[in-house]
Each structure stands twice: as structure tokens, then as C-alpha cells.
C-alpha atoms as a PDB file:
ATOM      1  CA  MET A   1       0.000   0.000   0.000  1.00  0.00           C
ATOM      2  CA  MET A   2       1.309   3.444  -0.889  1.00  0.00           C
ATOM      3  CA  ARG A   3       1.388   6.077   1.824  1.00  0.00           C
ATOM      4  CA  TRP A   4       1.845   9.843   1.698  1.00  0.00           C
ATOM      5  CA  THR A   5       5.299  11.007   2.760  1.00  0.00           C
ATOM      6  CA  LYS A   6       7.136  14.304   2.968  1.00  0.00           C
ATOM      7  CA  GLU A   7      10.296  12.607   1.659  1.00  0.00           C
ATOM      8  CA  LYS A   8      11.112  13.480  -1.929  1.00  0.00           C
ATOM      9  CA  PRO A   9      11.223  10.583  -4.404  1.00  0.00           C
ATOM     10  CA  THR A  10      14.592   8.874  -4.770  1.00  0.00           C
ATOM     11  CA  THR A  11      13.558   6.633  -7.678  1.00  0.00           C
ATOM     12  CA  LEU A  12      12.543   7.831 -11.124  1.00  0.00           C
ATOM     13  CA  GLY A  13       8.968   7.098 -12.150  1.00  0.00           C
ATOM     14  CA  TRP A  14       5.367   8.237 -11.728  1.00  0.00           C
ATOM     15  CA  TYR A  15       4.108   9.519  -8.373  1.00  0.00           C
ATOM     16  CA  TRP A  16       0.958  10.821  -6.794  1.00  0.00           C
ATOM     17  CA  TRP A  17       1.512  14.220  -5.196  1.00  0.00           C
ATOM     18  CA  ARG A  18      -0.430  16.783  -3.200  1.00  0.00           C
ATOM     19  CA  HIS A  19       0.379  20.153  -1.678  1.00  0.00           C
ATOM     20  CA  ARG A  20       1.693  19.872   1.865  1.00  0.00           C
ATOM     21  CA  SER A  21      -0.026  23.127   2.860  1.00  0.00           C
ATOM     22  CA  TYR A  22      -3.363  22.094   1.310  1.00  0.00           C
ATOM     23  CA  PRO A  23      -3.567  18.268   1.442  1.00  0.00           C
ATOM     24  CA  ASN A  24      -7.294  18.218   0.680  1.00  0.00           C
ATOM     25  CA  ALA A  25      -7.063  20.545  -2.338  1.00  0.00           C
ATOM     26  CA  GLY A  26      -6.493  17.689  -4.783  1.00  0.00           C
ATOM     27  CA  ARG A  27      -4.149  14.970  -5.881  1.00  0.00           C
ATOM     28  CA  TRP A  28      -2.167  14.790  -9.097  1.00  0.00           C
ATOM     29  CA  VAL A  29       0.178  12.423 -10.881  1.00  0.00           C
ATOM     30  CA  ALA A  30       3.587  13.541 -12.137  1.00  0.00           C
ATOM     31  CA  GLN A  31       6.638  11.890 -13.621  1.00  0.00           C
ATOM     32  CA  VAL A  32       9.967  12.274 -11.824  1.00  0.00           C
ATOM     33  CA  ARG A  33      12.764  12.127 -14.408  1.00  0.00           C
ATOM     34  CA  GLN A  34      16.477  12.802 -14.728  1.00  0.00           C
ATOM     35  CA  TYR A  35      17.938  14.911 -17.511  1.00  0.00           C
ATOM     36  CA  ASP A  36      21.307  14.585 -19.244  1.00  0.00           C
ATOM     37  CA  ASP A  37      22.828  17.221 -16.970  1.00  0.00           C
ATOM     38  CA  GLY A  38      21.896  15.144 -13.894  1.00  0.00           C
ATOM     39  CA  THR A  39      19.084  17.337 -12.631  1.00  0.00           C
ATOM     40  CA  VAL A  40      15.987  15.574 -11.338  1.00  0.00           C
ATOM     41  CA  GLN A  41      12.806  17.372 -12.314  1.00  0.00           C
ATOM     42  CA  THR A  42       9.071  16.861 -12.331  1.00  0.00           C
ATOM     43  CA  ASP A  43       5.981  18.576 -13.639  1.00  0.00           C
ATOM     44  CA  SER A  44       5.149  21.726 -11.730  1.00  0.00           C
ATOM     45  CA  GLY A  45       1.433  21.140 -12.086  1.00  0.00           C
ATOM     46  CA  PHE A  46       1.288  24.229 -14.268  1.00  0.00           C
ATOM     47  CA  GLY A  47       2.749  22.882 -17.509  1.00  0.00           C
ATOM     48  CA  SER A  48       6.459  23.357 -16.865  1.00  0.00           C
ATOM     49  CA  ASP A  49       9.233  21.331 -15.268  1.00  0.00           C
ATOM     50  CA  VAL A  50      10.816  22.286 -11.956  1.00  0.00           C
ATOM     51  CA  LEU A  51      13.658  20.948  -9.854  1.00  0.00           C
ATOM     52  CA  LEU A  52      12.392  18.284  -7.490  1.00  0.00           C
ATOM     53  CA  SER A  53      14.487  19.748  -4.678  1.00  0.00           C
ATOM     54  CA  THR A  54      12.518  23.032  -4.753  1.00  0.00           C
ATOM     55  CA  LEU A  55       9.056  21.526  -4.191  1.00  0.00           C
ATOM     56  CA  ASP A  56       7.115  21.378  -0.937  1.00  0.00           C
ATOM     57  CA  ARG A  57       4.864  18.401  -1.679  1.00  0.00           C
ATOM     58  CA  GLU A  58       3.785  15.117  -0.203  1.00  0.00           C
ATOM     59  CA  TRP A  59       4.458  12.092  -2.394  1.00  0.00           C
ATOM     60  CA  ALA A  60       3.156   8.552  -2.828  1.00  0.00           C
ATOM     61  CA  GLY A  61       4.797   6.075  -5.155  1.00  0.00           C
ATOM     62  CA  PRO A  62       6.336   5.188  -7.429  1.00  0.00           C
ATOM     63  CA  ILE A  63       3.176   3.982  -9.144  1.00  0.00           C
ATOM     64  CA  PRO A  64       3.778   0.511 -10.589  1.00  0.00           C
ATOM     65  CA  GLU A  65       3.445   0.137 -14.330  1.00  0.00           C
ATOM     66  CA  PRO A  66       0.486  -2.031 -15.342  1.00  0.00           C
ATOM     67  CA  GLU A  67       1.083  -5.477 -16.737  1.00  0.00           C
ATOM     68  CA  ASP A  68       0.481  -5.720 -20.471  1.00  0.00           C
ATOM     69  CA  LEU A  69      -1.385  -9.001 -20.919  1.00  0.00           C
ATOM     70  CA  SER A  70      -1.263  -8.731 -24.706  1.00  0.00           C
ATOM     71  CA  VAL A  71       2.486  -9.432 -24.702  1.00  0.00           C
ATOM     72  CA  CYS A  72       2.474 -11.970 -21.858  1.00  0.00           C
ATOM     73  CA  GLY A  73       0.981 -14.752 -23.934  1.00  0.00           C
END
């Protein structure tokens, strides 16, 4: 079971996130990714990428990728 945490993601992938100051305002999904220069960024929620280290969010994840039964036989 995933749980909300204040710890920033340490693994690349997709995560649920919510604002720490407004935890009931909504929940979103964002991808945490690493760029060629080594920076780890995610979606700001407003259509642009931001450094993960600058965000004050709660996180849950990473979200596991679904199994693709069409290629499993």
C-alpha cells in the first residue's frame, strides 16, 4: 500500500503528489525524471518542469506500471 510522505522521491517514475499546505485541495500524478545534466525534475502542475528539490509536496509512489497481458501470452 502506498502512503503519503514528505520525503522526496529517490527513484525515477510516476508519483501521486499533493500540496503539503493544502492536502485536501487535490491529488495529481507527475513523472519524476532525470535529464542529461543530472538534474531531477518533475511537472510543476502548471505545464512546466521544476527541480524536485525546490518543491514542498507530499508524495506517494512510485506507481507501478500495469502489466500488459497482450504481450504476456
